[in-house]
């Protein structure tokens, strides 16, 4: 018989209560900020045809029954992204959502199976505008909790200082000793040069296995060498990702080897992922198929494509969008050490 959950002991809840209060205060402050900026709050449905089409994200599946008991497979979304882009196609221009999302196979100090993504989109705005939004929200969270420094596992960052902006290529050159751009083709649809990256990584002293793909090598160095150094002293915006890691972002006009994508870090913690949005449905379909082929190879499963989303993408205006892990922001602003300290009712293991 499994032990009862510890969360409902009054003494344990009393210890968590200040973090939960900080969560509510930050959420209210952020909502006021977006409203002052002219945004409309959305409430996107969680039940979707596809949970998302990234190879290493895992959705929760369920069976939907119609009145005639006909069965249809549906998923809890891993992000409201598809839904919010449909709303942009329908005519919305500035929208945000405190979206409850679900991701399977994820649990730890910074991960929880059910969590909140603060996601927002600006039609006809550059992704640099989102960088400015991030700086404003970091400072807002700090002011709301009265904290002068974000802290996590011995690392600190000043949330009031403008974030550092660092390209992925510069980060690899500075921290890993690798010329990443030299391994990337000019054609966004072409494969990156695996052997060139393997040779450069081995020469710089990084471990490379014979069966490693370009993505395997890139991801290992990013996670083990680059990410732990980011957001120390002040937040870091890591931008211009390789186009083969573009996800749903568009290639950079001045250099098609990289994409209009950035991630926000503070205290070594990834807080947000942003795109200058791709609006080419054919290219997006191509990328989804590549991701699902990789998912099949690694995990033996795939997810369907949301054809409604791909159709809407063709009507979507130029836009930029971002997803920020709300609980992680609250953790840094409140001093919590684990995500379950600031989730009202944690999911039982």
C-alpha atoms as a PDB file:
ATOM      1  CA  UNK A   1       0.000   0.000   0.000  1.00  0.00           C
ATOM      2  CA  UNK A   2       1.455   3.348  -1.054  1.00  0.00           C
ATOM      3  CA  UNK A   3       2.094   5.936   1.651  1.00  0.00           C
ATOM      4  CA  UNK A   4      -0.296   8.868   1.714  1.00  0.00           C
ATOM      5  CA  UNK A   5       0.810  12.091   0.043  1.00  0.00           C
ATOM      6  CA  UNK A   6       2.595  14.442   2.467  1.00  0.00           C
ATOM      7  CA  UNK A   7       1.215  17.617   0.928  1.00  0.00           C
ATOM      8  CA  UNK A   8      -1.916  17.881   3.048  1.00  0.00           C
ATOM      9  CA  UNK A   9      -0.224  17.953   6.430  1.00  0.00           C
ATOM     10  CA  UNK A  10      -0.976  21.425   7.901  1.00  0.00           C
ATOM     11  CA  UNK A  11       2.689  21.941   8.833  1.00  0.00           C
ATOM     12  CA  UNK A  12       3.895  21.105   5.316  1.00  0.00           C
ATOM     13  CA  UNK A  13       1.249  23.323   3.751  1.00  0.00           C
ATOM     14  CA  UNK A  14       2.205  26.162   6.105  1.00  0.00           C
ATOM     15  CA  UNK A  15       5.792  25.940   4.814  1.00  0.00           C
ATOM     16  CA  UNK A  16       4.550  26.105   1.217  1.00  0.00           C
ATOM     17  CA  UNK A  17       2.007  28.857   1.826  1.00  0.00           C
ATOM     18  CA  UNK A  18       4.394  31.839   1.304  1.00  0.00           C
ATOM     19  CA  UNK A  19       5.463  30.432  -2.070  1.00  0.00           C
ATOM     20  CA  UNK A  20       1.859  29.934  -3.115  1.00  0.00           C
ATOM     21  CA  UNK A  21       1.051  33.500  -2.064  1.00  0.00           C
ATOM     22  CA  UNK A  22       3.966  34.733  -4.172  1.00  0.00           C
ATOM     23  CA  UNK A  23       2.586  32.749  -7.100  1.00  0.00           C
ATOM     24  CA  UNK A  24      -0.771  34.526  -6.814  1.00  0.00           C
ATOM     25  CA  UNK A  25       0.774  37.970  -6.452  1.00  0.00           C
ATOM     26  CA  UNK A  26       3.062  37.505  -9.466  1.00  0.00           C
ATOM     27  CA  UNK A  27       0.227  36.146 -11.593  1.00  0.00           C
ATOM     28  CA  UNK A  28      -1.965  39.144 -10.747  1.00  0.00           C
ATOM     29  CA  UNK A  29       0.866  41.592 -11.487  1.00  0.00           C
ATOM     30  CA  UNK A  30       1.635  39.949 -14.839  1.00  0.00           C
ATOM     31  CA  UNK A  31      -2.037  39.958 -15.812  1.00  0.00           C
ATOM     32  CA  UNK A  32      -2.214  43.702 -15.080  1.00  0.00           C
ATOM     33  CA  UNK A  33       0.957  44.272 -17.132  1.00  0.00           C
ATOM     34  CA  UNK A  34      -0.473  42.518 -20.181  1.00  0.00           C
ATOM     35  CA  UNK A  35      -3.770  44.330 -19.882  1.00  0.00           C
ATOM     36  CA  UNK A  36      -1.919  47.671 -19.734  1.00  0.00           C
ATOM     37  CA  UNK A  37      -0.049  46.629 -22.900  1.00  0.00           C
ATOM     38  CA  UNK A  38      -3.362  46.093 -24.713  1.00  0.00           C
ATOM     39  CA  UNK A  39      -3.358  42.284 -24.702  1.00  0.00           C
ATOM     40  CA  UNK A  40      -6.426  40.068 -24.610  1.00  0.00           C
ATOM     41  CA  UNK A  41      -6.352  37.027 -22.331  1.00  0.00           C
ATOM     42  CA  UNK A  42      -7.363  33.746 -23.971  1.00  0.00           C
ATOM     43  CA  UNK A  43      -8.411  30.407 -22.496  1.00  0.00           C
ATOM     44  CA  UNK A  44      -7.344  27.733 -24.959  1.00  0.00           C
ATOM     45  CA  UNK A  45      -8.842  24.261 -24.823  1.00  0.00           C
ATOM     46  CA  UNK A  46      -6.488  21.616 -23.465  1.00  0.00           C
ATOM     47  CA  UNK A  47      -7.968  18.689 -25.406  1.00  0.00           C
ATOM     48  CA  UNK A  48      -6.441  18.584 -28.882  1.00  0.00           C
ATOM     49  CA  UNK A  49      -5.961  16.407 -31.967  1.00  0.00           C
ATOM     50  CA  UNK A  50      -2.192  16.578 -31.424  1.00  0.00           C
ATOM     51  CA  UNK A  51      -0.282  17.371 -28.235  1.00  0.00           C
ATOM     52  CA  UNK A  52       2.518  18.922 -30.316  1.00  0.00           C
ATOM     53  CA  UNK A  53       5.049  17.520 -32.740  1.00  0.00           C
ATOM     54  CA  UNK A  54       8.429  17.804 -31.054  1.00  0.00           C
ATOM     55  CA  UNK A  55      10.320  14.520 -30.948  1.00  0.00           C
ATOM     56  CA  UNK A  56      11.204  14.582 -27.264  1.00  0.00           C
ATOM     57  CA  UNK A  57       7.953  15.930 -25.808  1.00  0.00           C
ATOM     58  CA  UNK A  58       5.469  13.347 -24.558  1.00  0.00           C
ATOM     59  CA  UNK A  59       1.735  13.904 -24.302  1.00  0.00           C
ATOM     60  CA  UNK A  60      -1.051  12.371 -22.233  1.00  0.00           C
ATOM     61  CA  UNK A  61      -3.580  10.528 -24.413  1.00  0.00           C
ATOM     62  CA  UNK A  62      -7.259   9.917 -23.809  1.00  0.00           C
ATOM     63  CA  UNK A  63     -10.260   8.544 -25.713  1.00  0.00           C
ATOM     64  CA  UNK A  64     -13.142  10.859 -26.579  1.00  0.00           C
ATOM     65  CA  UNK A  65     -16.562   9.298 -27.071  1.00  0.00           C
ATOM     66  CA  UNK A  66     -19.223  10.852 -29.266  1.00  0.00           C
ATOM     67  CA  UNK A  67     -22.993  10.580 -28.623  1.00  0.00           C
ATOM     68  CA  UNK A  68     -22.947   7.452 -30.787  1.00  0.00           C
ATOM     69  CA  UNK A  69     -20.001   6.097 -28.726  1.00  0.00           C
ATOM     70  CA  UNK A  70     -17.657   6.480 -31.679  1.00  0.00           C
ATOM     71  CA  UNK A  71     -14.108   6.711 -30.364  1.00  0.00           C
ATOM     72  CA  UNK A  72     -11.524   9.380 -31.204  1.00  0.00           C
ATOM     73  CA  UNK A  73      -8.009   9.667 -29.801  1.00  0.00           C
ATOM     74  CA  UNK A  74      -7.280  13.054 -28.249  1.00  0.00           C
ATOM     75  CA  UNK A  75      -4.381  14.493 -26.249  1.00  0.00           C
ATOM     76  CA  UNK A  76      -3.846  17.036 -23.498  1.00  0.00           C
ATOM     77  CA  UNK A  77      -1.770  19.783 -25.075  1.00  0.00           C
ATOM     78  CA  UNK A  78       1.895  20.294 -24.177  1.00  0.00           C
ATOM     79  CA  UNK A  79       1.485  23.976 -25.099  1.00  0.00           C
ATOM     80  CA  UNK A  80      -1.380  26.216 -26.269  1.00  0.00           C
ATOM     81  CA  UNK A  81       0.747  27.218 -29.274  1.00  0.00           C
ATOM     82  CA  UNK A  82      -1.360  25.626 -32.018  1.00  0.00           C
ATOM     83  CA  UNK A  83      -4.568  27.092 -30.602  1.00  0.00           C
ATOM     84  CA  UNK A  84      -3.151  30.577 -30.110  1.00  0.00           C
ATOM     85  CA  UNK A  85      -1.807  30.685 -33.657  1.00  0.00           C
ATOM     86  CA  UNK A  86      -5.250  29.726 -34.933  1.00  0.00           C
ATOM     87  CA  UNK A  87      -6.558  32.756 -33.042  1.00  0.00           C
ATOM     88  CA  UNK A  88      -3.929  34.951 -34.720  1.00  0.00           C
ATOM     89  CA  UNK A  89      -5.102  33.620 -38.092  1.00  0.00           C
ATOM     90  CA  UNK A  90      -8.669  34.510 -37.066  1.00  0.00           C
ATOM     91  CA  UNK A  91      -7.697  38.124 -36.438  1.00  0.00           C
ATOM     92  CA  UNK A  92      -6.411  38.415 -32.859  1.00  0.00           C
ATOM     93  CA  UNK A  93      -3.303  40.587 -32.609  1.00  0.00           C
ATOM     94  CA  UNK A  94      -1.989  40.623 -29.021  1.00  0.00           C
ATOM     95  CA  UNK A  95      -2.952  37.659 -26.861  1.00  0.00           C
ATOM     96  CA  UNK A  96      -1.724  35.893 -23.723  1.00  0.00           C
ATOM     97  CA  UNK A  97      -2.733  32.785 -21.788  1.00  0.00           C
ATOM     98  CA  UNK A  98      -1.891  31.296 -18.387  1.00  0.00           C
ATOM     99  CA  UNK A  99      -2.277  27.835 -19.898  1.00  0.00           C
ATOM    100  CA  UNK A 100      -2.367  24.614 -17.926  1.00  0.00           C
ATOM    101  CA  UNK A 101      -0.295  22.115 -19.908  1.00  0.00           C
ATOM    102  CA  UNK A 102       0.691  18.463 -19.523  1.00  0.00           C
ATOM    103  CA  UNK A 103       3.949  16.688 -20.358  1.00  0.00           C
ATOM    104  CA  UNK A 104       4.532  13.019 -19.661  1.00  0.00           C
ATOM    105  CA  UNK A 105       7.889  11.514 -18.604  1.00  0.00           C
ATOM    106  CA  UNK A 106       8.848  14.762 -16.828  1.00  0.00           C
ATOM    107  CA  UNK A 107       9.356  15.067 -13.069  1.00  0.00           C
ATOM    108  CA  UNK A 108      12.039  16.706 -10.921  1.00  0.00           C
ATOM    109  CA  UNK A 109      12.947  19.939  -9.113  1.00  0.00           C
ATOM    110  CA  UNK A 110      12.154  21.956 -12.270  1.00  0.00           C
ATOM    111  CA  UNK A 111       9.627  19.623 -13.930  1.00  0.00           C
ATOM    112  CA  UNK A 112       6.076  18.566 -13.094  1.00  0.00           C
ATOM    113  CA  UNK A 113       3.594  16.535 -15.194  1.00  0.00           C
ATOM    114  CA  UNK A 114       1.062  19.387 -15.076  1.00  0.00           C
ATOM    115  CA  UNK A 115       2.229  22.989 -15.012  1.00  0.00           C
ATOM    116  CA  UNK A 116       1.497  26.490 -16.286  1.00  0.00           C
ATOM    117  CA  UNK A 117       2.909  28.084 -19.410  1.00  0.00           C
ATOM    118  CA  UNK A 118       2.559  31.827 -19.712  1.00  0.00           C
ATOM    119  CA  UNK A 119       2.339  32.157 -23.473  1.00  0.00           C
ATOM    120  CA  UNK A 120       1.911  35.357 -25.453  1.00  0.00           C
ATOM    121  CA  UNK A 121       1.910  36.464 -29.093  1.00  0.00           C
ATOM    122  CA  UNK A 122       2.335  39.768 -30.886  1.00  0.00           C
ATOM    123  CA  UNK A 123       1.147  40.012 -34.490  1.00  0.00           C
ATOM    124  CA  UNK A 124       3.342  42.118 -36.790  1.00  0.00           C
ATOM    125  CA  UNK A 125       6.078  42.439 -34.169  1.00  0.00           C
ATOM    126  CA  UNK A 126       9.693  41.277 -34.199  1.00  0.00           C
ATOM    127  CA  UNK A 127      10.992  38.704 -31.786  1.00  0.00           C
ATOM    128  CA  UNK A 128      13.312  41.366 -30.380  1.00  0.00           C
ATOM    129  CA  UNK A 129      10.144  42.903 -28.897  1.00  0.00           C
ATOM    130  CA  UNK A 130       9.674  39.703 -26.914  1.00  0.00           C
ATOM    131  CA  UNK A 131      13.196  40.110 -25.532  1.00  0.00           C
ATOM    132  CA  UNK A 132      12.103  43.466 -24.140  1.00  0.00           C
ATOM    133  CA  UNK A 133       8.957  41.841 -22.721  1.00  0.00           C
ATOM    134  CA  UNK A 134      11.103  39.265 -20.916  1.00  0.00           C
ATOM    135  CA  UNK A 135      13.253  41.925 -19.285  1.00  0.00           C
ATOM    136  CA  UNK A 136      10.137  43.752 -18.106  1.00  0.00           C
ATOM    137  CA  UNK A 137       8.543  40.604 -16.647  1.00  0.00           C
ATOM    138  CA  UNK A 138      11.694  39.542 -14.788  1.00  0.00           C
ATOM    139  CA  UNK A 139      11.848  42.937 -13.121  1.00  0.00           C
ATOM    140  CA  UNK A 140       8.107  42.877 -12.422  1.00  0.00           C
ATOM    141  CA  UNK A 141       8.316  39.489 -10.680  1.00  0.00           C
ATOM    142  CA  UNK A 142      11.211  40.719  -8.547  1.00  0.00           C
ATOM    143  CA  UNK A 143       9.421  43.902  -7.537  1.00  0.00           C
ATOM    144  CA  UNK A 144       6.272  41.961  -6.698  1.00  0.00           C
ATOM    145  CA  UNK A 145       8.091  39.679  -4.236  1.00  0.00           C
ATOM    146  CA  UNK A 146      10.525  42.350  -3.044  1.00  0.00           C
ATOM    147  CA  UNK A 147      13.579  40.328  -4.009  1.00  0.00           C
ATOM    148  CA  UNK A 148      16.809  41.933  -5.199  1.00  0.00           C
ATOM    149  CA  UNK A 149      18.387  38.711  -6.505  1.00  0.00           C
ATOM    150  CA  UNK A 150      17.099  35.567  -8.141  1.00  0.00           C
ATOM    151  CA  UNK A 151      18.761  32.464  -6.650  1.00  0.00           C
ATOM    152  CA  UNK A 152      18.837  28.781  -7.525  1.00  0.00           C
ATOM    153  CA  UNK A 153      21.321  26.115  -6.435  1.00  0.00           C
ATOM    154  CA  UNK A 154      24.047  28.563  -5.536  1.00  0.00           C
ATOM    155  CA  UNK A 155      23.654  30.669  -8.673  1.00  0.00           C
ATOM    156  CA  UNK A 156      22.405  34.256  -8.614  1.00  0.00           C
ATOM    157  CA  UNK A 157      21.121  36.813 -11.118  1.00  0.00           C
ATOM    158  CA  UNK A 158      20.022  40.436 -10.840  1.00  0.00           C
ATOM    159  CA  UNK A 159      16.519  40.591 -12.356  1.00  0.00           C
ATOM    160  CA  UNK A 160      16.639  44.380 -12.666  1.00  0.00           C
ATOM    161  CA  UNK A 161      19.622  44.379 -15.047  1.00  0.00           C
ATOM    162  CA  UNK A 162      19.037  44.161 -18.809  1.00  0.00           C
ATOM    163  CA  UNK A 163      19.624  40.536 -19.922  1.00  0.00           C
ATOM    164  CA  UNK A 164      22.794  39.660 -21.787  1.00  0.00           C
ATOM    165  CA  UNK A 165      22.196  38.770 -25.441  1.00  0.00           C
ATOM    166  CA  UNK A 166      24.365  35.924 -26.730  1.00  0.00           C
ATOM    167  CA  UNK A 167      24.089  34.065 -30.032  1.00  0.00           C
ATOM    168  CA  UNK A 168      24.294  30.281 -30.002  1.00  0.00           C
ATOM    169  CA  UNK A 169      27.299  30.476 -32.341  1.00  0.00           C
ATOM    170  CA  UNK A 170      29.143  32.845 -30.000  1.00  0.00           C
ATOM    171  CA  UNK A 171      28.298  30.637 -27.023  1.00  0.00           C
ATOM    172  CA  UNK A 172      29.720  27.548 -28.744  1.00  0.00           C
ATOM    173  CA  UNK A 173      32.846  29.434 -29.780  1.00  0.00           C
ATOM    174  CA  UNK A 174      33.419  30.966 -26.339  1.00  0.00           C
ATOM    175  CA  UNK A 175      32.461  28.060 -24.111  1.00  0.00           C
ATOM    176  CA  UNK A 176      33.026  24.948 -26.210  1.00  0.00           C
ATOM    177  CA  UNK A 177      35.730  26.028 -28.659  1.00  0.00           C
ATOM    178  CA  UNK A 178      33.618  25.101 -31.696  1.00  0.00           C
ATOM    179  CA  UNK A 179      32.786  27.039 -34.879  1.00  0.00           C
ATOM    180  CA  UNK A 180      29.176  25.934 -35.078  1.00  0.00           C
ATOM    181  CA  UNK A 181      28.263  27.993 -38.146  1.00  0.00           C
ATOM    182  CA  UNK A 182      30.898  26.146 -40.172  1.00  0.00           C
ATOM    183  CA  UNK A 183      28.830  22.959 -39.771  1.00  0.00           C
ATOM    184  CA  UNK A 184      25.571  24.516 -40.996  1.00  0.00           C
ATOM    185  CA  UNK A 185      24.442  24.622 -44.673  1.00  0.00           C
ATOM    186  CA  UNK A 186      23.150  27.748 -46.418  1.00  0.00           C
ATOM    187  CA  UNK A 187      20.034  25.835 -47.515  1.00  0.00           C
ATOM    188  CA  UNK A 188      17.645  25.610 -44.514  1.00  0.00           C
ATOM    189  CA  UNK A 189      16.275  22.311 -45.817  1.00  0.00           C
ATOM    190  CA  UNK A 190      19.719  20.671 -46.112  1.00  0.00           C
ATOM    191  CA  UNK A 191      21.266  18.464 -43.440  1.00  0.00           C
ATOM    192  CA  UNK A 192      23.949  19.949 -41.168  1.00  0.00           C
ATOM    193  CA  UNK A 193      27.477  18.520 -41.477  1.00  0.00           C
ATOM    194  CA  UNK A 194      27.648  15.842 -38.804  1.00  0.00           C
ATOM    195  CA  UNK A 195      31.258  14.892 -39.499  1.00  0.00           C
ATOM    196  CA  UNK A 196      32.453  18.489 -39.338  1.00  0.00           C
ATOM    197  CA  UNK A 197      30.820  18.965 -35.942  1.00  0.00           C
ATOM    198  CA  UNK A 198      32.131  15.622 -34.673  1.00  0.00           C
ATOM    199  CA  UNK A 199      35.669  16.533 -35.730  1.00  0.00           C
ATOM    200  CA  UNK A 200      35.482  19.999 -34.174  1.00  0.00           C
ATOM    201  CA  UNK A 201      33.969  18.655 -30.951  1.00  0.00           C
ATOM    202  CA  UNK A 202      36.577  15.905 -30.581  1.00  0.00           C
ATOM    203  CA  UNK A 203      39.405  18.380 -31.261  1.00  0.00           C
ATOM    204  CA  UNK A 204      38.035  20.616 -28.490  1.00  0.00           C
ATOM    205  CA  UNK A 205      37.992  17.686 -26.063  1.00  0.00           C
ATOM    206  CA  UNK A 206      34.281  16.829 -26.075  1.00  0.00           C
ATOM    207  CA  UNK A 207      33.039  13.253 -26.067  1.00  0.00           C
ATOM    208  CA  UNK A 208      31.711  12.012 -29.416  1.00  0.00           C
ATOM    209  CA  UNK A 209      30.272   8.557 -30.044  1.00  0.00           C
ATOM    210  CA  UNK A 210      30.468   6.854 -33.408  1.00  0.00           C
ATOM    211  CA  UNK A 211      26.685   6.713 -33.778  1.00  0.00           C
ATOM    212  CA  UNK A 212      26.043  10.309 -32.610  1.00  0.00           C
ATOM    213  CA  UNK A 213      24.045  12.437 -35.021  1.00  0.00           C
ATOM    214  CA  UNK A 214      24.695  16.156 -35.484  1.00  0.00           C
ATOM    215  CA  UNK A 215      21.791  16.842 -33.126  1.00  0.00           C
ATOM    216  CA  UNK A 216      23.150  14.427 -30.502  1.00  0.00           C
ATOM    217  CA  UNK A 217      26.512  16.216 -30.420  1.00  0.00           C
ATOM    218  CA  UNK A 218      24.977  19.680 -30.489  1.00  0.00           C
ATOM    219  CA  UNK A 219      22.462  18.904 -27.740  1.00  0.00           C
ATOM    220  CA  UNK A 220      25.031  17.264 -25.457  1.00  0.00           C
ATOM    221  CA  UNK A 221      27.352  20.267 -25.635  1.00  0.00           C
ATOM    222  CA  UNK A 222      24.492  22.735 -25.267  1.00  0.00           C
ATOM    223  CA  UNK A 223      23.182  21.023 -22.128  1.00  0.00           C
ATOM    224  CA  UNK A 224      26.465  20.127 -20.443  1.00  0.00           C
ATOM    225  CA  UNK A 225      28.739  23.015 -21.418  1.00  0.00           C
ATOM    226  CA  UNK A 226      26.678  26.035 -22.472  1.00  0.00           C
ATOM    227  CA  UNK A 227      23.460  26.080 -20.441  1.00  0.00           C
ATOM    228  CA  UNK A 228      25.019  25.839 -16.940  1.00  0.00           C
ATOM    229  CA  UNK A 229      26.880  29.121 -17.557  1.00  0.00           C
ATOM    230  CA  UNK A 230      23.840  31.112 -18.691  1.00  0.00           C
ATOM    231  CA  UNK A 231      21.975  33.643 -16.594  1.00  0.00           C
ATOM    232  CA  UNK A 232      24.701  34.018 -13.979  1.00  0.00           C
ATOM    233  CA  UNK A 233      24.895  37.546 -12.582  1.00  0.00           C
ATOM    234  CA  UNK A 234      22.122  38.620 -14.903  1.00  0.00           C
ATOM    235  CA  UNK A 235      19.679  36.872 -17.201  1.00  0.00           C
ATOM    236  CA  UNK A 236      20.854  35.639 -20.605  1.00  0.00           C
ATOM    237  CA  UNK A 237      18.972  35.603 -23.898  1.00  0.00           C
ATOM    238  CA  UNK A 238      20.492  32.871 -26.078  1.00  0.00           C
ATOM    239  CA  UNK A 239      19.404  33.553 -29.657  1.00  0.00           C
ATOM    240  CA  UNK A 240      19.848  32.664 -33.338  1.00  0.00           C
ATOM    241  CA  UNK A 241      19.535  28.897 -32.986  1.00  0.00           C
ATOM    242  CA  UNK A 242      20.681  26.653 -35.861  1.00  0.00           C
ATOM    243  CA  UNK A 243      17.862  26.426 -38.388  1.00  0.00           C
ATOM    244  CA  UNK A 244      17.772  22.635 -37.985  1.00  0.00           C
ATOM    245  CA  UNK A 245      16.770  23.370 -34.357  1.00  0.00           C
ATOM    246  CA  UNK A 246      14.239  26.014 -35.416  1.00  0.00           C
ATOM    247  CA  UNK A 247      11.101  24.114 -34.294  1.00  0.00           C
ATOM    248  CA  UNK A 248       8.289  26.518 -35.311  1.00  0.00           C
ATOM    249  CA  UNK A 249      10.464  29.582 -35.997  1.00  0.00           C
ATOM    250  CA  UNK A 250      11.424  31.149 -39.314  1.00  0.00           C
ATOM    251  CA  UNK A 251      14.951  31.398 -40.774  1.00  0.00           C
ATOM    252  CA  UNK A 252      16.793  34.658 -40.177  1.00  0.00           C
ATOM    253  CA  UNK A 253      16.629  36.795 -43.317  1.00  0.00           C
ATOM    254  CA  UNK A 254      20.285  37.869 -43.211  1.00  0.00           C
ATOM    255  CA  UNK A 255      21.635  34.378 -42.435  1.00  0.00           C
ATOM    256  CA  UNK A 256      19.465  31.369 -43.350  1.00  0.00           C
ATOM    257  CA  UNK A 257      21.765  29.057 -41.372  1.00  0.00           C
ATOM    258  CA  UNK A 258      20.120  30.241 -38.179  1.00  0.00           C
ATOM    259  CA  UNK A 259      16.565  30.902 -37.033  1.00  0.00           C
ATOM    260  CA  UNK A 260      14.636  33.617 -35.205  1.00  0.00           C
ATOM    261  CA  UNK A 261      14.537  31.669 -31.969  1.00  0.00           C
ATOM    262  CA  UNK A 262      15.711  32.560 -28.481  1.00  0.00           C
ATOM    263  CA  UNK A 263      15.622  31.072 -25.004  1.00  0.00           C
ATOM    264  CA  UNK A 264      15.737  33.010 -21.734  1.00  0.00           C
ATOM    265  CA  UNK A 265      17.896  31.802 -18.833  1.00  0.00           C
ATOM    266  CA  UNK A 266      18.379  32.980 -15.254  1.00  0.00           C
ATOM    267  CA  UNK A 267      20.569  31.251 -12.657  1.00  0.00           C
ATOM    268  CA  UNK A 268      21.248  28.487 -15.202  1.00  0.00           C
ATOM    269  CA  UNK A 269      17.493  27.782 -15.443  1.00  0.00           C
ATOM    270  CA  UNK A 270      15.724  27.854 -18.806  1.00  0.00           C
ATOM    271  CA  UNK A 271      12.690  30.101 -18.381  1.00  0.00           C
ATOM    272  CA  UNK A 272      11.291  30.749 -21.856  1.00  0.00           C
ATOM    273  CA  UNK A 273      11.416  29.727 -25.509  1.00  0.00           C
ATOM    274  CA  UNK A 274      10.513  32.278 -28.211  1.00  0.00           C
ATOM    275  CA  UNK A 275      10.072  32.332 -31.982  1.00  0.00           C
ATOM    276  CA  UNK A 276       9.781  34.724 -34.830  1.00  0.00           C
ATOM    277  CA  UNK A 277       6.954  32.546 -36.119  1.00  0.00           C
ATOM    278  CA  UNK A 278       7.109  30.422 -39.236  1.00  0.00           C
ATOM    279  CA  UNK A 279       4.009  30.940 -41.407  1.00  0.00           C
ATOM    280  CA  UNK A 280       4.851  28.551 -44.259  1.00  0.00           C
ATOM    281  CA  UNK A 281       2.614  25.471 -43.831  1.00  0.00           C
ATOM    282  CA  UNK A 282       4.610  23.354 -46.300  1.00  0.00           C
ATOM    283  CA  UNK A 283       7.863  23.981 -44.457  1.00  0.00           C
ATOM    284  CA  UNK A 284       6.181  23.411 -41.102  1.00  0.00           C
ATOM    285  CA  UNK A 285       4.768  20.102 -42.331  1.00  0.00           C
ATOM    286  CA  UNK A 286       8.244  19.074 -43.490  1.00  0.00           C
ATOM    287  CA  UNK A 287       9.711  19.851 -40.075  1.00  0.00           C
ATOM    288  CA  UNK A 288       6.918  18.024 -38.257  1.00  0.00           C
ATOM    289  CA  UNK A 289       7.503  14.912 -40.356  1.00  0.00           C
ATOM    290  CA  UNK A 290      11.218  14.989 -39.516  1.00  0.00           C
ATOM    291  CA  UNK A 291      10.414  15.344 -35.815  1.00  0.00           C
ATOM    292  CA  UNK A 292       7.912  12.505 -35.878  1.00  0.00           C
ATOM    293  CA  UNK A 293      10.346  10.251 -37.745  1.00  0.00           C
ATOM    294  CA  UNK A 294      12.873  10.897 -34.978  1.00  0.00           C
ATOM    295  CA  UNK A 295      10.220  10.213 -32.334  1.00  0.00           C
ATOM    296  CA  UNK A 296       9.407   6.909 -34.007  1.00  0.00           C
ATOM    297  CA  UNK A 297      13.114   6.010 -34.131  1.00  0.00           C
ATOM    298  CA  UNK A 298      13.786   6.837 -30.484  1.00  0.00           C
ATOM    299  CA  UNK A 299      10.486   6.080 -28.734  1.00  0.00           C
ATOM    300  CA  UNK A 300       8.547   3.879 -31.135  1.00  0.00           C
ATOM    301  CA  UNK A 301       5.558   6.222 -31.366  1.00  0.00           C
ATOM    302  CA  UNK A 302       4.333   9.278 -33.251  1.00  0.00           C
ATOM    303  CA  UNK A 303       1.602  11.898 -32.888  1.00  0.00           C
ATOM    304  CA  UNK A 304      -0.818  13.019 -35.615  1.00  0.00           C
ATOM    305  CA  UNK A 305      -0.437  16.346 -37.366  1.00  0.00           C
ATOM    306  CA  UNK A 306      -3.055  18.991 -36.626  1.00  0.00           C
ATOM    307  CA  UNK A 307      -4.292  19.694 -40.145  1.00  0.00           C
ATOM    308  CA  UNK A 308      -6.517  22.489 -38.863  1.00  0.00           C
ATOM    309  CA  UNK A 309      -3.420  24.208 -37.474  1.00  0.00           C
ATOM    310  CA  UNK A 310      -1.470  23.822 -40.717  1.00  0.00           C
ATOM    311  CA  UNK A 311      -4.379  25.278 -42.692  1.00  0.00           C
ATOM    312  CA  UNK A 312      -4.618  28.227 -40.301  1.00  0.00           C
ATOM    313  CA  UNK A 313      -0.874  28.829 -40.537  1.00  0.00           C
ATOM    314  CA  UNK A 314      -1.264  29.911 -44.162  1.00  0.00           C
ATOM    315  CA  UNK A 315      -3.601  32.718 -43.018  1.00  0.00           C
ATOM    316  CA  UNK A 316      -1.568  33.797 -39.989  1.00  0.00           C
ATOM    317  CA  UNK A 317       0.025  37.265 -40.096  1.00  0.00           C
ATOM    318  CA  UNK A 318       3.735  37.753 -39.348  1.00  0.00           C
ATOM    319  CA  UNK A 319       4.062  37.342 -35.601  1.00  0.00           C
ATOM    320  CA  UNK A 320       6.316  36.532 -32.697  1.00  0.00           C
ATOM    321  CA  UNK A 321       5.424  34.297 -29.768  1.00  0.00           C
ATOM    322  CA  UNK A 322       6.903  32.970 -26.548  1.00  0.00           C
ATOM    323  CA  UNK A 323       6.205  30.387 -23.842  1.00  0.00           C
ATOM    324  CA  UNK A 324       7.512  31.068 -20.336  1.00  0.00           C
ATOM    325  CA  UNK A 325       7.502  28.509 -17.529  1.00  0.00           C
ATOM    326  CA  UNK A 326       5.440  30.380 -14.971  1.00  0.00           C
ATOM    327  CA  UNK A 327       6.307  28.142 -11.999  1.00  0.00           C
ATOM    328  CA  UNK A 328      10.023  28.471 -12.738  1.00  0.00           C
ATOM    329  CA  UNK A 329       9.754  32.256 -12.715  1.00  0.00           C
ATOM    330  CA  UNK A 330       7.916  32.108  -9.380  1.00  0.00           C
ATOM    331  CA  UNK A 331      10.579  29.778  -7.997  1.00  0.00           C
ATOM    332  CA  UNK A 332      13.375  32.222  -8.783  1.00  0.00           C
ATOM    333  CA  UNK A 333      11.441  35.231  -7.503  1.00  0.00           C
ATOM    334  CA  UNK A 334      10.279  33.530  -4.280  1.00  0.00           C
ATOM    335  CA  UNK A 335      13.309  31.421  -3.365  1.00  0.00           C
ATOM    336  CA  UNK A 336      11.569  28.051  -3.760  1.00  0.00           C
ATOM    337  CA  UNK A 337      13.875  25.107  -4.392  1.00  0.00           C
ATOM    338  CA  UNK A 338      11.394  22.726  -6.060  1.00  0.00           C
ATOM    339  CA  UNK A 339       8.526  23.264  -8.435  1.00  0.00           C
ATOM    340  CA  UNK A 340       6.116  21.306  -6.227  1.00  0.00           C
ATOM    341  CA  UNK A 341       6.536  23.967  -3.547  1.00  0.00           C
ATOM    342  CA  UNK A 342       4.631  26.440  -5.696  1.00  0.00           C
ATOM    343  CA  UNK A 343       2.041  24.101  -7.263  1.00  0.00           C
ATOM    344  CA  UNK A 344      -1.205  24.287  -5.274  1.00  0.00           C
ATOM    345  CA  UNK A 345      -2.042  20.575  -5.589  1.00  0.00           C
ATOM    346  CA  UNK A 346       0.958  18.583  -6.810  1.00  0.00           C
ATOM    347  CA  UNK A 347       0.295  15.465  -8.879  1.00  0.00           C
ATOM    348  CA  UNK A 348       0.931  12.340  -6.820  1.00  0.00           C
ATOM    349  CA  UNK A 349       3.930  10.323  -8.047  1.00  0.00           C
END
